[in-house]
Amino acid sequence: MSQTMTDLAEDVGSRDPTTGLRAVAALRRLVEQLEDLHVRNARAAGWSWRAIADGLGVTKQTVHRKHRGSR
C-alpha cells in the first residue's frame, strides 16, 4: 500500500487505532529508507562515521553497526 505524505499525516491523527498504527509503521519504514539514503550519500561524499553519527544524534558505534554495509 503506497500512501502520500499527506495521507500519512492525516492517518497519524486518526482516532482509529488500526489506521493510526498503520500510519506509524509506514512512517517508520520511510524514515529508515531516508536514513539509509542519506548515510550512503554522506559516505560517498567522504564523511566519517563520527560526522554522520553527530548528524543523526547517535553514537559512532550505533551508526556504524547499522549502516556499515552502506556504500
C-alpha atoms as a PDB file:
ATOM      1  CA  MET A   1       0.000   0.000   0.000  1.00  0.00           C
ATOM      2  CA  SER A   2       1.527   3.275  -1.122  1.00  0.00           C
ATOM      3  CA  GLN A   3       0.425   6.426   0.641  1.00  0.00           C
ATOM      4  CA  THR A   4       1.365  10.030   0.120  1.00  0.00           C
ATOM      5  CA  MET A   5       2.854  12.072   2.933  1.00  0.00           C
ATOM      6  CA  THR A   6      -0.451  13.939   3.138  1.00  0.00           C
ATOM      7  CA  ASP A   7      -2.334  10.656   3.589  1.00  0.00           C
ATOM      8  CA  LEU A   8       0.095   9.527   6.284  1.00  0.00           C
ATOM      9  CA  ALA A   9      -0.145  12.853   8.108  1.00  0.00           C
ATOM     10  CA  GLU A  10      -3.932  12.567   8.148  1.00  0.00           C
ATOM     11  CA  ASP A  11      -3.860   8.909   9.167  1.00  0.00           C
ATOM     12  CA  VAL A  12      -1.478   9.536  12.078  1.00  0.00           C
ATOM     13  CA  GLY A  13      -4.097  11.812  13.579  1.00  0.00           C
ATOM     14  CA  SER A  14      -6.873   9.256  13.188  1.00  0.00           C
ATOM     15  CA  ARG A  15      -8.868   8.229  16.228  1.00  0.00           C
ATOM     16  CA  ASP A  16      -8.998   4.696  14.776  1.00  0.00           C
ATOM     17  CA  PRO A  17      -6.087   2.740  16.295  1.00  0.00           C
ATOM     18  CA  THR A  18      -5.738   0.492  13.232  1.00  0.00           C
ATOM     19  CA  THR A  19      -5.375   3.456  10.904  1.00  0.00           C
ATOM     20  CA  GLY A  20      -3.025   5.297  13.261  1.00  0.00           C
ATOM     21  CA  LEU A  21      -0.773   2.306  13.875  1.00  0.00           C
ATOM     22  CA  ARG A  22      -0.530   1.507  10.172  1.00  0.00           C
ATOM     23  CA  ALA A  23       0.469   5.109   9.509  1.00  0.00           C
ATOM     24  CA  VAL A  24       3.132   4.972  12.227  1.00  0.00           C
ATOM     25  CA  ALA A  25       4.538   1.754  10.745  1.00  0.00           C
ATOM     26  CA  ALA A  26       4.625   3.300   7.252  1.00  0.00           C
ATOM     27  CA  LEU A  27       6.386   6.391   8.596  1.00  0.00           C
ATOM     28  CA  ARG A  28       8.930   4.202  10.400  1.00  0.00           C
ATOM     29  CA  ARG A  29       9.738   2.413   7.124  1.00  0.00           C
ATOM     30  CA  LEU A  30      10.039   5.737   5.318  1.00  0.00           C
ATOM     31  CA  VAL A  31      12.387   7.168   7.945  1.00  0.00           C
ATOM     32  CA  GLU A  32      14.590   4.054   7.741  1.00  0.00           C
ATOM     33  CA  GLN A  33      14.793   4.374   3.951  1.00  0.00           C
ATOM     34  CA  LEU A  34      15.605   8.077   4.164  1.00  0.00           C
ATOM     35  CA  GLU A  35      18.275   7.496   6.806  1.00  0.00           C
ATOM     36  CA  ASP A  36      19.910   4.798   4.695  1.00  0.00           C
ATOM     37  CA  LEU A  37      19.867   7.042   1.623  1.00  0.00           C
ATOM     38  CA  HIS A  38      21.461   9.970   3.439  1.00  0.00           C
ATOM     39  CA  VAL A  39      24.068   7.817   5.179  1.00  0.00           C
ATOM     40  CA  ARG A  40      25.073   6.391   1.776  1.00  0.00           C
ATOM     41  CA  ASN A  41      25.222   9.921   0.343  1.00  0.00           C
ATOM     42  CA  ALA A  42      27.364  11.119   3.252  1.00  0.00           C
ATOM     43  CA  ARG A  43      29.756   8.169   2.958  1.00  0.00           C
ATOM     44  CA  ALA A  44      30.044   8.726  -0.818  1.00  0.00           C
ATOM     45  CA  ALA A  45      30.896  12.364  -0.065  1.00  0.00           C
ATOM     46  CA  GLY A  46      33.695  11.236   2.261  1.00  0.00           C
ATOM     47  CA  TRP A  47      32.020  11.850   5.603  1.00  0.00           C
ATOM     48  CA  SER A  48      33.398   9.978   8.604  1.00  0.00           C
ATOM     49  CA  TRP A  49      31.227   7.712  10.706  1.00  0.00           C
ATOM     50  CA  ARG A  50      31.679  10.259  13.548  1.00  0.00           C
ATOM     51  CA  ALA A  51      30.300  13.120  11.411  1.00  0.00           C
ATOM     52  CA  ILE A  52      27.319  11.009  10.332  1.00  0.00           C
ATOM     53  CA  ALA A  53      26.666   9.931  13.919  1.00  0.00           C
ATOM     54  CA  ASP A  54      26.773  13.552  15.057  1.00  0.00           C
ATOM     55  CA  GLY A  55      24.279  14.496  12.340  1.00  0.00           C
ATOM     56  CA  LEU A  56      21.915  11.745  13.429  1.00  0.00           C
ATOM     57  CA  GLY A  57      22.376  12.366  17.145  1.00  0.00           C
ATOM     58  CA  VAL A  58      23.622   8.844  17.852  1.00  0.00           C
ATOM     59  CA  THR A  59      26.949   7.264  18.721  1.00  0.00           C
ATOM     60  CA  LYS A  60      29.547   6.391  16.121  1.00  0.00           C
ATOM     61  CA  GLN A  61      29.221   2.729  17.105  1.00  0.00           C
ATOM     62  CA  THR A  62      25.451   2.767  16.594  1.00  0.00           C
ATOM     63  CA  VAL A  63      25.567   4.299  13.130  1.00  0.00           C
ATOM     64  CA  HIS A  64      28.477   2.111  12.026  1.00  0.00           C
ATOM     65  CA  ARG A  65      26.818  -1.085  13.243  1.00  0.00           C
ATOM     66  CA  LYS A  66      23.562  -0.179  11.497  1.00  0.00           C
ATOM     67  CA  HIS A  67      24.990   1.106   8.201  1.00  0.00           C
ATOM     68  CA  ARG A  68      28.474  -0.398   7.770  1.00  0.00           C
ATOM     69  CA  GLY A  69      27.325  -2.167   4.581  1.00  0.00           C
ATOM     70  CA  SER A  70      26.124   1.121   3.036  1.00  0.00           C
ATOM     71  CA  ARG A  71      28.424   2.463   0.367  1.00  0.00           C
END
